Amino acid sequence: MRRRTAPAVALLPLILCACSTEFVTVAPDVSTEAPRLGHVRGVAYSHILFGSPTYNIIPIGWDGRAQRACDEAIGCVPGATGLVDVTLEEDWFWWVIGSARKLVLEGDAVKR
């Protein structure tokens, strides 16, 4: 009995701990007739100091990360007001005292 209980008790904190955020619309709907102005790319970083991706001790730059990448992408083309055919990719890497997340947003800039 004790052999079965110990692993379950050890996993309980991992199961009960979770993060959630609000749903954010990064690229609102755009008319199909909107003129395309070119392919763009935006990048935003966030970091965790003194922790792992599961346990965030000191999170830096997490709020608005997708919006920062979107704003950077739209800002690449003068006159652009939105994005279509958007893709979002995230990579993460470890460094000496924490980890970082790199969020890459790509799409076609349009003028609504």
PDB file of N, CA and C in Angstrom:
ATOM      1  N   MET A   1       0.816  -1.188   0.000  1.00  0.00           N
ATOM      2  CA  MET A   1       0.000   0.000   0.000  1.00  0.00           C
ATOM      3  C   MET A   1       0.868   1.263   0.000  1.00  0.00           C
ATOM      4  N   ARG A   2       1.902   1.265   0.808  1.00  0.00           N
ATOM      5  CA  ARG A   2       2.766   2.427   0.929  1.00  0.00           C
ATOM      6  C   ARG A   2       3.513   2.697  -0.379  1.00  0.00           C
ATOM      7  N   ARG A   3       3.855   1.655  -1.130  1.00  0.00           N
ATOM      8  CA  ARG A   3       4.553   1.822  -2.400  1.00  0.00           C
ATOM      9  C   ARG A   3       3.679   2.533  -3.431  1.00  0.00           C
ATOM     10  N   ARG A   4       2.397   2.371  -3.374  1.00  0.00           N
ATOM     11  CA  ARG A   4       1.489   3.021  -4.314  1.00  0.00           C
ATOM     12  C   ARG A   4       1.157   4.447  -3.888  1.00  0.00           C
ATOM     13  N   THR A   5       1.114   4.686  -2.625  1.00  0.00           N
ATOM     14  CA  THR A   5       0.721   5.993  -2.108  1.00  0.00           C
ATOM     15  C   THR A   5       1.823   7.033  -2.280  1.00  0.00           C
ATOM     16  N   ALA A   6       3.064   6.657  -2.061  1.00  0.00           N
ATOM     17  CA  ALA A   6       4.176   7.610  -2.114  1.00  0.00           C
ATOM     18  C   ALA A   6       4.291   8.296  -3.478  1.00  0.00           C
ATOM     19  N   PRO A   7       4.267   7.576  -4.611  1.00  0.00           N
ATOM     20  CA  PRO A   7       4.348   8.278  -5.902  1.00  0.00           C
ATOM     21  C   PRO A   7       3.143   9.186  -6.150  1.00  0.00           C
ATOM     22  N   ALA A   8       1.973   8.763  -5.735  1.00  0.00           N
ATOM     23  CA  ALA A   8       0.779   9.585  -5.929  1.00  0.00           C
ATOM     24  C   ALA A   8       0.879  10.870  -5.127  1.00  0.00           C
ATOM     25  N   VAL A   9       1.349  10.785  -3.902  1.00  0.00           N
ATOM     26  CA  VAL A   9       1.508  11.968  -3.063  1.00  0.00           C
ATOM     27  C   VAL A   9       2.600  12.876  -3.633  1.00  0.00           C
ATOM     28  N   ALA A  10       3.659  12.301  -4.175  1.00  0.00           N
ATOM     29  CA  ALA A  10       4.745  13.097  -4.755  1.00  0.00           C
ATOM     30  C   ALA A  10       4.287  13.836  -6.012  1.00  0.00           C
ATOM     31  N   LEU A  11       3.389  13.261  -6.783  1.00  0.00           N
ATOM     32  CA  LEU A  11       2.897  13.896  -8.007  1.00  0.00           C
ATOM     33  C   LEU A  11       1.772  14.895  -7.765  1.00  0.00           C
ATOM     34  N   LEU A  12       1.144  14.833  -6.621  1.00  0.00           N
ATOM     35  CA  LEU A  12       0.006  15.699  -6.325  1.00  0.00           C
ATOM     36  C   LEU A  12       0.325  17.190  -6.485  1.00  0.00           C
ATOM     37  N   PRO A  13       1.443  17.712  -5.966  1.00  0.00           N
ATOM     38  CA  PRO A  13       1.733  19.141  -6.166  1.00  0.00           C
ATOM     39  C   PRO A  13       1.879  19.515  -7.646  1.00  0.00           C
ATOM     40  N   LEU A  14       2.446  18.627  -8.448  1.00  0.00           N
ATOM     41  CA  LEU A  14       2.596  18.918  -9.869  1.00  0.00           C
ATOM     42  C   LEU A  14       1.253  18.961 -10.582  1.00  0.00           C
ATOM     43  N   ILE A  15       0.334  18.125 -10.173  1.00  0.00           N
ATOM     44  CA  ILE A  15      -0.982  18.079 -10.793  1.00  0.00           C
ATOM     45  C   ILE A  15      -1.811  19.299 -10.397  1.00  0.00           C
ATOM     46  N   LEU A  16      -1.683  19.745  -9.171  1.00  0.00           N
ATOM     47  CA  LEU A  16      -2.492  20.849  -8.672  1.00  0.00           C
ATOM     48  C   LEU A  16      -1.958  22.230  -9.069  1.00  0.00           C
ATOM     49  N   CYS A  17      -0.680  22.329  -9.409  1.00  0.00           N
ATOM     50  CA  CYS A  17      -0.094  23.606  -9.781  1.00  0.00           C
ATOM     51  C   CYS A  17      -0.262  23.820 -11.279  1.00  0.00           C
ATOM     52  N   ALA A  18      -0.782  24.962 -11.667  1.00  0.00           N
ATOM     53  CA  ALA A  18      -0.958  25.274 -13.083  1.00  0.00           C
ATOM     54  C   ALA A  18      -0.989  26.777 -13.272  1.00  0.00           C
ATOM     55  N   CYS A  19      -0.730  27.192 -14.487  1.00  0.00           N
ATOM     56  CA  CYS A  19      -0.798  28.599 -14.841  1.00  0.00           C
ATOM     57  C   CYS A  19      -1.874  28.778 -15.897  1.00  0.00           C
ATOM     58  N   SER A  20      -2.509  29.910 -15.879  1.00  0.00           N
ATOM     59  CA  SER A  20      -3.464  30.218 -16.938  1.00  0.00           C
ATOM     60  C   SER A  20      -3.449  31.718 -17.177  1.00  0.00           C
ATOM     61  N   THR A  21      -3.814  32.105 -18.375  1.00  0.00           N
ATOM     62  CA  THR A  21      -3.897  33.518 -18.725  1.00  0.00           C
ATOM     63  C   THR A  21      -5.183  33.755 -19.487  1.00  0.00           C
ATOM     64  N   GLU A  22      -5.500  35.010 -19.673  1.00  0.00           N
ATOM     65  CA  GLU A  22      -6.672  35.378 -20.445  1.00  0.00           C
ATOM     66  C   GLU A  22      -6.431  35.089 -21.920  1.00  0.00           C
ATOM     67  N   PHE A  23      -7.510  34.840 -22.666  1.00  0.00           N
ATOM     68  CA  PHE A  23      -7.418  34.681 -24.109  1.00  0.00           C
ATOM     69  C   PHE A  23      -7.153  36.047 -24.718  1.00  0.00           C
ATOM     70  N   VAL A  24      -6.177  36.121 -25.597  1.00  0.00           N
ATOM     71  CA  VAL A  24      -5.821  37.378 -26.232  1.00  0.00           C
ATOM     72  C   VAL A  24      -5.899  37.203 -27.738  1.00  0.00           C
ATOM     73  N   THR A  25      -6.607  38.100 -28.404  1.00  0.00           N
ATOM     74  CA  THR A  25      -6.643  38.086 -29.860  1.00  0.00           C
ATOM     75  C   THR A  25      -5.469  38.902 -30.349  1.00  0.00           C
ATOM     76  N   VAL A  26      -4.505  38.229 -30.968  1.00  0.00           N
ATOM     77  CA  VAL A  26      -3.306  38.910 -31.431  1.00  0.00           C
ATOM     78  C   VAL A  26      -3.554  39.547 -32.792  1.00  0.00           C
ATOM     79  N   ALA A  27      -4.191  38.821 -33.681  1.00  0.00           N
ATOM     80  CA  ALA A  27      -4.442  39.331 -35.030  1.00  0.00           C
ATOM     81  C   ALA A  27      -5.940  39.291 -35.299  1.00  0.00           C
ATOM     82  N   PRO A  28      -6.642  40.420 -35.097  1.00  0.00           N
ATOM     83  CA  PRO A  28      -8.084  40.438 -35.321  1.00  0.00           C
ATOM     84  C   PRO A  28      -8.439  40.142 -36.776  1.00  0.00           C
ATOM     85  N   ASP A  29      -9.699  39.779 -37.019  1.00  0.00           N
ATOM     86  CA  ASP A  29     -10.162  39.471 -38.371  1.00  0.00           C
ATOM     87  C   ASP A  29      -9.964  40.668 -39.295  1.00  0.00           C
ATOM     88  N   VAL A  30      -9.533  40.351 -40.502  1.00  0.00           N
ATOM     89  CA  VAL A  30      -9.286  41.367 -41.517  1.00  0.00           C
ATOM     90  C   VAL A  30     -10.024  40.945 -42.781  1.00  0.00           C
ATOM     91  N   SER A  31     -10.561  41.894 -43.504  1.00  0.00           N
ATOM     92  CA  SER A  31     -11.271  41.615 -44.751  1.00  0.00           C
ATOM     93  C   SER A  31     -10.349  40.902 -45.749  1.00  0.00           C
ATOM     94  N   THR A  32     -10.917  39.997 -46.521  1.00  0.00           N
ATOM     95  CA  THR A  32     -10.119  39.270 -47.524  1.00  0.00           C
ATOM     96  C   THR A  32      -9.694  40.198 -48.654  1.00  0.00           C
ATOM     97  N   GLU A  33     -10.360  41.353 -48.814  1.00  0.00           N
ATOM     98  CA  GLU A  33     -10.000  42.307 -49.861  1.00  0.00           C
ATOM     99  C   GLU A  33      -8.893  43.271 -49.424  1.00  0.00           C
ATOM    100  N   ALA A  34      -8.465  43.193 -48.174  1.00  0.00           N
ATOM    101  CA  ALA A  34      -7.436  44.112 -47.681  1.00  0.00           C
ATOM    102  C   ALA A  34      -6.135  43.890 -48.457  1.00  0.00           C
ATOM    103  N   PRO A  35      -5.506  44.982 -48.909  1.00  0.00           N
ATOM    104  CA  PRO A  35      -4.264  44.832 -49.685  1.00  0.00           C
ATOM    105  C   PRO A  35      -3.114  44.330 -48.806  1.00  0.00           C
ATOM    106  N   ARG A  36      -2.411  43.333 -49.321  1.00  0.00           N
ATOM    107  CA  ARG A  36      -1.246  42.791 -48.597  1.00  0.00           C
ATOM    108  C   ARG A  36      -0.025  43.648 -48.898  1.00  0.00           C
ATOM    109  N   LEU A  37       0.707  43.968 -47.847  1.00  0.00           N
ATOM    110  CA  LEU A  37       1.850  44.861 -47.976  1.00  0.00           C
ATOM    111  C   LEU A  37       3.194  44.163 -47.843  1.00  0.00           C
ATOM    112  N   GLY A  38       3.202  42.875 -47.598  1.00  0.00           N
ATOM    113  CA  GLY A  38       4.452  42.131 -47.493  1.00  0.00           C
ATOM    114  C   GLY A  38       4.483  41.227 -46.268  1.00  0.00           C
ATOM    115  N   HIS A  39       5.409  40.280 -46.298  1.00  0.00           N
ATOM    116  CA  HIS A  39       5.574  39.329 -45.192  1.00  0.00           C
ATOM    117  C   HIS A  39       6.377  40.003 -44.085  1.00  0.00           C
ATOM    118  N   VAL A  40       5.941  39.831 -42.843  1.00  0.00           N
ATOM    119  CA  VAL A  40       6.607  40.467 -41.702  1.00  0.00           C
ATOM    120  C   VAL A  40       6.856  39.450 -40.598  1.00  0.00           C
ATOM    121  N   ARG A  41       7.739  39.843 -39.690  1.00  0.00           N
ATOM    122  CA  ARG A  41       8.116  38.963 -38.569  1.00  0.00           C
ATOM    123  C   ARG A  41       8.361  39.825 -37.340  1.00  0.00           C
ATOM    124  N   GLY A  42       7.829  39.380 -36.211  1.00  0.00           N
ATOM    125  CA  GLY A  42       8.059  40.061 -34.945  1.00  0.00           C
ATOM    126  C   GLY A  42       8.531  39.058 -33.904  1.00  0.00           C
ATOM    127  N   VAL A  43       9.431  39.483 -33.026  1.00  0.00           N
ATOM    128  CA  VAL A  43      10.014  38.600 -32.011  1.00  0.00           C
ATOM    129  C   VAL A  43       9.895  39.272 -30.645  1.00  0.00           C
ATOM    130  N   ALA A  44       9.552  38.485 -29.626  1.00  0.00           N
ATOM    131  CA  ALA A  44       9.507  38.989 -28.253  1.00  0.00           C
ATOM    132  C   ALA A  44      10.069  37.913 -27.323  1.00  0.00           C
ATOM    133  N   TYR A  45      10.775  38.339 -26.305  1.00  0.00           N
ATOM    134  CA  TYR A  45      11.386  37.425 -25.350  1.00  0.00           C
ATOM    135  C   TYR A  45      10.761  37.581 -23.963  1.00  0.00           C
ATOM    136  N   SER A  46      10.821  36.509 -23.203  1.00  0.00           N
ATOM    137  CA  SER A  46      10.464  36.549 -21.787  1.00  0.00           C
ATOM    138  C   SER A  46      11.447  35.648 -21.056  1.00  0.00           C
ATOM    139  N   HIS A  47      11.615  35.897 -19.769  1.00  0.00           N
ATOM    140  CA  HIS A  47      12.627  35.174 -19.000  1.00  0.00           C
ATOM    141  C   HIS A  47      12.071  34.707 -17.660  1.00  0.00           C
ATOM    142  N   ILE A  48      12.686  33.676 -17.138  1.00  0.00           N
ATOM    143  CA  ILE A  48      12.411  33.210 -15.776  1.00  0.00           C
ATOM    144  C   ILE A  48      13.754  33.137 -15.058  1.00  0.00           C
ATOM    145  N   LEU A  49      13.896  33.917 -13.997  1.00  0.00           N
ATOM    146  CA  LEU A  49      15.121  33.863 -13.191  1.00  0.00           C
ATOM    147  C   LEU A  49      14.920  32.927 -12.013  1.00  0.00           C
ATOM    148  N   PHE A  50      15.924  32.171 -11.707  1.00  0.00           N
ATOM    149  CA  PHE A  50      15.936  31.290 -10.538  1.00  0.00           C
ATOM    150  C   PHE A  50      14.761  30.321 -10.523  1.00  0.00           C
ATOM    151  N   GLY A  51      14.488  29.703 -11.630  1.00  0.00           N
ATOM    152  CA  GLY A  51      13.388  28.749 -11.659  1.00  0.00           C
ATOM    153  C   GLY A  51      13.400  27.920 -12.921  1.00  0.00           C
ATOM    154  N   SER A  52      12.453  27.034 -13.006  1.00  0.00           N
ATOM    155  CA  SER A  52      12.282  26.192 -14.176  1.00  0.00           C
ATOM    156  C   SER A  52      11.025  26.655 -14.908  1.00  0.00           C
ATOM    157  N   PRO A  53      10.751  26.144 -16.103  1.00  0.00           N
ATOM    158  CA  PRO A  53       9.518  26.529 -16.789  1.00  0.00           C
ATOM    159  C   PRO A  53       8.262  26.208 -15.982  1.00  0.00           C
ATOM    160  N   THR A  54       8.345  25.240 -15.080  1.00  0.00           N
ATOM    161  CA  THR A  54       7.191  24.872 -14.273  1.00  0.00           C
ATOM    162  C   THR A  54       7.028  25.799 -13.070  1.00  0.00           C
ATOM    163  N   TYR A  55       8.128  26.166 -12.448  1.00  0.00           N
ATOM    164  CA  TYR A  55       8.077  26.996 -11.244  1.00  0.00           C
ATOM    165  C   TYR A  55       8.706  28.345 -11.540  1.00  0.00           C
ATOM    166  N   ASN A  56       7.883  29.371 -11.689  1.00  0.00           N
ATOM    167  CA  ASN A  56       8.347  30.712 -12.026  1.00  0.00           C
ATOM    168  C   ASN A  56       8.688  31.476 -10.759  1.00  0.00           C
ATOM    169  N   ILE A  57       9.968  31.618 -10.493  1.00  0.00           N
ATOM    170  CA  ILE A  57      10.389  32.357  -9.307  1.00  0.00           C
ATOM    171  C   ILE A  57      10.318  33.858  -9.589  1.00  0.00           C
ATOM    172  N   ILE A  58      11.008  34.314 -10.643  1.00  0.00           N
ATOM    173  CA  ILE A  58      10.967  35.720 -11.017  1.00  0.00           C
ATOM    174  C   ILE A  58      10.706  35.806 -12.529  1.00  0.00           C
ATOM    175  N   PRO A  59       9.442  35.925 -12.947  1.00  0.00           N
ATOM    176  CA  PRO A  59       9.158  36.050 -14.381  1.00  0.00           C
ATOM    177  C   PRO A  59       9.393  37.489 -14.854  1.00  0.00           C
ATOM    178  N   ILE A  60      10.012  37.629 -16.017  1.00  0.00           N
ATOM    179  CA  ILE A  60      10.315  38.945 -16.579  1.00  0.00           C
ATOM    180  C   ILE A  60       9.791  38.990 -18.017  1.00  0.00           C
ATOM    181  N   GLY A  61       8.955  39.964 -18.318  1.00  0.00           N
ATOM    182  CA  GLY A  61       8.502  40.191 -19.679  1.00  0.00           C
ATOM    183  C   GLY A  61       7.426  39.258 -20.183  1.00  0.00           C
ATOM    184  N   TRP A  62       6.690  38.598 -19.310  1.00  0.00           N
ATOM    185  CA  TRP A  62       5.659  37.656 -19.749  1.00  0.00           C
ATOM    186  C   TRP A  62       4.394  38.364 -20.201  1.00  0.00           C
ATOM    187  N   ASP A  63       4.013  39.429 -19.533  1.00  0.00           N
ATOM    188  CA  ASP A  63       2.779  40.133 -19.889  1.00  0.00           C
ATOM    189  C   ASP A  63       2.934  40.845 -21.229  1.00  0.00           C
ATOM    190  N   GLY A  64       1.998  40.620 -22.116  1.00  0.00           N
ATOM    191  CA  GLY A  64       1.990  41.313 -23.398  1.00  0.00           C
ATOM    192  C   GLY A  64       3.025  40.853 -24.395  1.00  0.00           C
ATOM    193  N   ARG A  65       3.586  39.675 -24.189  1.00  0.00           N
ATOM    194  CA  ARG A  65       4.641  39.182 -25.075  1.00  0.00           C
ATOM    195  C   ARG A  65       4.150  39.017 -26.508  1.00  0.00           C
ATOM    196  N   ALA A  66       2.992  38.413 -26.694  1.00  0.00           N
ATOM    197  CA  ALA A  66       2.447  38.223 -28.042  1.00  0.00           C
ATOM    198  C   ALA A  66       2.104  39.564 -28.677  1.00  0.00           C
ATOM    199  N   GLN A  67       1.583  40.487 -27.883  1.00  0.00           N
ATOM    200  CA  GLN A  67       1.253  41.813 -28.413  1.00  0.00           C
ATOM    201  C   GLN A  67       2.510  42.565 -28.832  1.00  0.00           C
ATOM    202  N   ARG A  68       3.597  42.427 -28.071  1.00  0.00           N
ATOM    203  CA  ARG A  68       4.857  43.083 -28.450  1.00  0.00           C
ATOM    204  C   ARG A  68       5.366  42.548 -29.784  1.00  0.00           C
ATOM    205  N   ALA A  69       5.286  41.233 -29.973  1.00  0.00           N
ATOM    206  CA  ALA A  69       5.721  40.637 -31.237  1.00  0.00           C
ATOM    207  C   ALA A  69       4.836  41.106 -32.386  1.00  0.00           C
ATOM    208  N   CYS A  70       3.537  41.195 -32.148  1.00  0.00           N
ATOM    209  CA  CYS A  70       2.599  41.663 -33.167  1.00  0.00           C
ATOM    210  C   CYS A  70       2.883  43.116 -33.528  1.00  0.00           C
ATOM    211  N   ASP A  71       3.080  43.960 -32.545  1.00  0.00           N
ATOM    212  CA  ASP A  71       3.375  45.373 -32.791  1.00  0.00           C
ATOM    213  C   ASP A  71       4.679  45.539 -33.575  1.00  0.00           C
ATOM    214  N   GLU A  72       5.682  44.728 -33.248  1.00  0.00           N
ATOM    215  CA  GLU A  72       6.955  44.791 -33.965  1.00  0.00           C
ATOM    216  C   GLU A  72       6.759  44.389 -35.430  1.00  0.00           C
ATOM    217  N   ALA A  73       5.977  43.334 -35.659  1.00  0.00           N
ATOM    218  CA  ALA A  73       5.734  42.867 -37.026  1.00  0.00           C
ATOM    219  C   ALA A  73       4.993  43.922 -37.837  1.00  0.00           C
ATOM    220  N   ILE A  74       3.939  44.498 -37.278  1.00  0.00           N
ATOM    221  CA  ILE A  74       3.167  45.520 -37.987  1.00  0.00           C
ATOM    222  C   ILE A  74       4.019  46.762 -38.239  1.00  0.00           C
ATOM    223  N   GLY A  75       4.889  47.088 -37.296  1.00  0.00           N
ATOM    224  CA  GLY A  75       5.749  48.262 -37.441  1.00  0.00           C
ATOM    225  C   GLY A  75       6.810  48.127 -38.515  1.00  0.00           C
ATOM    226  N   CYS A  76       7.030  46.924 -39.038  1.00  0.00           N
ATOM    227  CA  CYS A  76       8.040  46.713 -40.081  1.00  0.00           C
ATOM    228  C   CYS A  76       7.632  47.324 -41.420  1.00  0.00           C
ATOM    229  N   VAL A  77       6.329  47.497 -41.641  1.00  0.00           N
ATOM    230  CA  VAL A  77       5.837  48.006 -42.922  1.00  0.00           C
ATOM    231  C   VAL A  77       5.059  49.303 -42.673  1.00  0.00           C
ATOM    232  N   PRO A  78       5.509  50.409 -43.234  1.00  0.00           N
ATOM    233  CA  PRO A  78       4.783  51.670 -43.049  1.00  0.00           C
ATOM    234  C   PRO A  78       3.353  51.563 -43.604  1.00  0.00           C
ATOM    235  N   GLY A  79       2.387  52.014 -42.839  1.00  0.00           N
ATOM    236  CA  GLY A  79       1.001  52.004 -43.259  1.00  0.00           C
ATOM    237  C   GLY A  79       0.246  50.733 -42.925  1.00  0.00           C
ATOM    238  N   ALA A  80       0.929  49.717 -42.412  1.00  0.00           N
ATOM    239  CA  ALA A  80       0.263  48.464 -42.053  1.00  0.00           C
ATOM    240  C   ALA A  80      -0.571  48.664 -40.798  1.00  0.00           C
ATOM    241  N   THR A  81      -1.744  48.044 -40.781  1.00  0.00           N
ATOM    242  CA  THR A  81      -2.626  48.169 -39.617  1.00  0.00           C
ATOM    243  C   THR A  81      -3.067  46.823 -39.068  1.00  0.00           C
ATOM    244  N   GLY A  82      -2.689  45.736 -39.709  1.00  0.00           N
ATOM    245  CA  GLY A  82      -3.099  44.414 -39.242  1.00  0.00           C
ATOM    246  C   GLY A  82      -2.278  43.322 -39.892  1.00  0.00           C
ATOM    247  N   LEU A  83      -2.589  42.079 -39.513  1.00  0.00           N
ATOM    248  CA  LEU A  83      -1.886  40.915 -40.039  1.00  0.00           C
ATOM    249  C   LEU A  83      -2.887  39.861 -40.499  1.00  0.00           C
ATOM    250  N   VAL A  84      -2.512  39.109 -41.528  1.00  0.00           N
ATOM    251  CA  VAL A  84      -3.285  37.942 -41.952  1.00  0.00           C
ATOM    252  C   VAL A  84      -2.321  36.771 -42.105  1.00  0.00           C
ATOM    253  N   ASP A  85      -2.881  35.568 -42.146  1.00  0.00           N
ATOM    254  CA  ASP A  85      -2.085  34.332 -42.269  1.00  0.00           C
ATOM    255  C   ASP A  85      -0.981  34.289 -41.214  1.00  0.00           C
ATOM    256  N   VAL A  86      -1.379  34.482 -39.971  1.00  0.00           N
ATOM    257  CA  VAL A  86      -0.441  34.589 -38.862  1.00  0.00           C
ATOM    258  C   VAL A  86      -0.037  33.205 -38.344  1.00  0.00           C
ATOM    259  N   THR A  87       1.247  33.039 -38.083  1.00  0.00           N
ATOM    260  CA  THR A  87       1.753  31.845 -37.405  1.00  0.00           C
ATOM    261  C   THR A  87       2.511  32.306 -36.171  1.00  0.00           C
ATOM    262  N   LEU A  88       2.468  31.491 -35.148  1.00  0.00           N
ATOM    263  CA  LEU A  88       3.101  31.803 -33.878  1.00  0.00           C
ATOM    264  C   LEU A  88       3.952  30.606 -33.485  1.00  0.00           C
ATOM    265  N   GLU A  89       5.193  30.851 -33.147  1.00  0.00           N
ATOM    266  CA  GLU A  89       6.113  29.780 -32.763  1.00  0.00           C
ATOM    267  C   GLU A  89       6.860  30.199 -31.510  1.00  0.00           C
ATOM    268  N   GLU A  90       7.093  29.245 -30.628  1.00  0.00           N
ATOM    269  CA  GLU A  90       7.806  29.554 -29.395  1.00  0.00           C
ATOM    270  C   GLU A  90       8.928  28.549 -29.186  1.00  0.00           C
ATOM    271  N   ASP A  91      10.096  29.058 -28.889  1.00  0.00           N
ATOM    272  CA  ASP A  91      11.256  28.240 -28.527  1.00  0.00           C
ATOM    273  C   ASP A  91      11.695  28.666 -27.140  1.00  0.00           C
ATOM    274  N   TRP A  92      12.321  27.761 -26.418  1.00  0.00           N
ATOM    275  CA  TRP A  92      12.854  28.140 -25.117  1.00  0.00           C
ATOM    276  C   TRP A  92      14.248  27.580 -24.976  1.00  0.00           C
ATOM    277  N   PHE A  93      15.032  28.241 -24.157  1.00  0.00           N
ATOM    278  CA  PHE A  93      16.401  27.794 -23.911  1.00  0.00           C
ATOM    279  C   PHE A  93      16.799  28.141 -22.484  1.00  0.00           C
ATOM    280  N   TRP A  94      17.723  27.336 -21.967  1.00  0.00           N
ATOM    281  CA  TRP A  94      18.223  27.528 -20.609  1.00  0.00           C
ATOM    282  C   TRP A  94      19.469  28.385 -20.646  1.00  0.00           C
ATOM    283  N   TRP A  95      19.641  29.189 -19.631  1.00  0.00           N
ATOM    284  CA  TRP A  95      20.889  29.873 -19.412  1.00  0.00           C
ATOM    285  C   TRP A  95      21.260  29.690 -17.955  1.00  0.00           C
ATOM    286  N   VAL A  96      22.330  30.239 -17.500  1.00  0.00           N
ATOM    287  CA  VAL A  96      22.943  29.876 -16.221  1.00  0.00           C
ATOM    288  C   VAL A  96      21.981  29.940 -15.027  1.00  0.00           C
ATOM    289  N   ILE A  97      21.200  30.997 -14.885  1.00  0.00           N
ATOM    290  CA  ILE A  97      20.350  31.136 -13.693  1.00  0.00           C
ATOM    291  C   ILE A  97      18.859  31.172 -14.025  1.00  0.00           C
ATOM    292  N   GLY A  98      18.472  30.622 -15.150  1.00  0.00           N
ATOM    293  CA  GLY A  98      17.057  30.624 -15.505  1.00  0.00           C
ATOM    294  C   GLY A  98      16.830  30.111 -16.913  1.00  0.00           C
ATOM    295  N   SER A  99      15.732  30.536 -17.496  1.00  0.00           N
ATOM    296  CA  SER A  99      15.413  30.143 -18.862  1.00  0.00           C
ATOM    297  C   SER A  99      14.765  31.316 -19.578  1.00  0.00           C
ATOM    298  N   ALA A 100      14.680  31.202 -20.888  1.00  0.00           N
ATOM    299  CA  ALA A 100      14.080  32.255 -21.697  1.00  0.00           C
ATOM    300  C   ALA A 100      13.158  31.633 -22.727  1.00  0.00           C
ATOM    301  N   ARG A 101      12.158  32.378 -23.118  1.00  0.00           N
ATOM    302  CA  ARG A 101      11.236  31.968 -24.179  1.00  0.00           C
ATOM    303  C   ARG A 101      11.330  32.989 -25.300  1.00  0.00           C
ATOM    304  N   LYS A 102      11.438  32.496 -26.512  1.00  0.00           N
ATOM    305  CA  LYS A 102      11.473  33.352 -27.698  1.00  0.00           C
ATOM    306  C   LYS A 102      10.192  33.099 -28.474  1.00  0.00           C
ATOM    307  N   LEU A 103       9.362  34.109 -28.615  1.00  0.00           N
ATOM    308  CA  LEU A 103       8.110  34.008 -29.336  1.00  0.00           C
ATOM    309  C   LEU A 103       8.271  34.701 -30.686  1.00  0.00           C
ATOM    310  N   VAL A 104       8.030  33.950 -31.767  1.00  0.00           N
ATOM    311  CA  VAL A 104       8.157  34.487 -33.120  1.00  0.00           C
ATOM    312  C   VAL A 104       6.778  34.491 -33.768  1.00  0.00           C
ATOM    313  N   LEU A 105       6.359  35.653 -34.241  1.00  0.00           N
ATOM    314  CA  LEU A 105       5.081  35.815 -34.909  1.00  0.00           C
ATOM    315  C   LEU A 105       5.359  36.255 -36.344  1.00  0.00           C
ATOM    316  N   GLU A 106       4.803  35.510 -37.308  1.00  0.00           N
ATOM    317  CA  GLU A 106       4.984  35.848 -38.725  1.00  0.00           C
ATOM    318  C   GLU A 106       3.644  35.924 -39.411  1.00  0.00           C
ATOM    319  N   GLY A 107       3.558  36.739 -40.437  1.00  0.00           N
ATOM    320  CA  GLY A 107       2.333  36.865 -41.209  1.00  0.00           C
ATOM    321  C   GLY A 107       2.489  37.880 -42.305  1.00  0.00           C
ATOM    322  N   ASP A 108       1.415  38.169 -42.984  1.00  0.00           N
ATOM    323  CA  ASP A 108       1.404  39.178 -44.038  1.00  0.00           C
ATOM    324  C   ASP A 108       0.771  40.454 -43.499  1.00  0.00           C
ATOM    325  N   ALA A 109       1.472  41.558 -43.651  1.00  0.00           N
ATOM    326  CA  ALA A 109       0.950  42.851 -43.216  1.00  0.00           C
ATOM    327  C   ALA A 109      -0.111  43.321 -44.203  1.00  0.00           C
ATOM    328  N   VAL A 110      -1.183  43.909 -43.664  1.00  0.00           N
ATOM    329  CA  VAL A 110      -2.255  44.438 -44.505  1.00  0.00           C
ATOM    330  C   VAL A 110      -2.661  45.819 -44.001  1.00  0.00           C
ATOM    331  N   LYS A 111      -3.353  46.546 -44.871  1.00  0.00           N
ATOM    332  CA  LYS A 111      -3.938  47.825 -44.478  1.00  0.00           C
ATOM    333  C   LYS A 111      -5.446  47.626 -44.529  1.00  0.00           C
ATOM    334  N   ARG A 112      -6.103  47.737 -43.363  1.00  0.00           N
ATOM    335  CA  ARG A 112      -7.548  47.504 -43.293  1.00  0.00           C
ATOM    336  C   ARG A 112      -8.343  48.595 -43.927  1.00  0.00           C
TER     337      ARG A 112
END
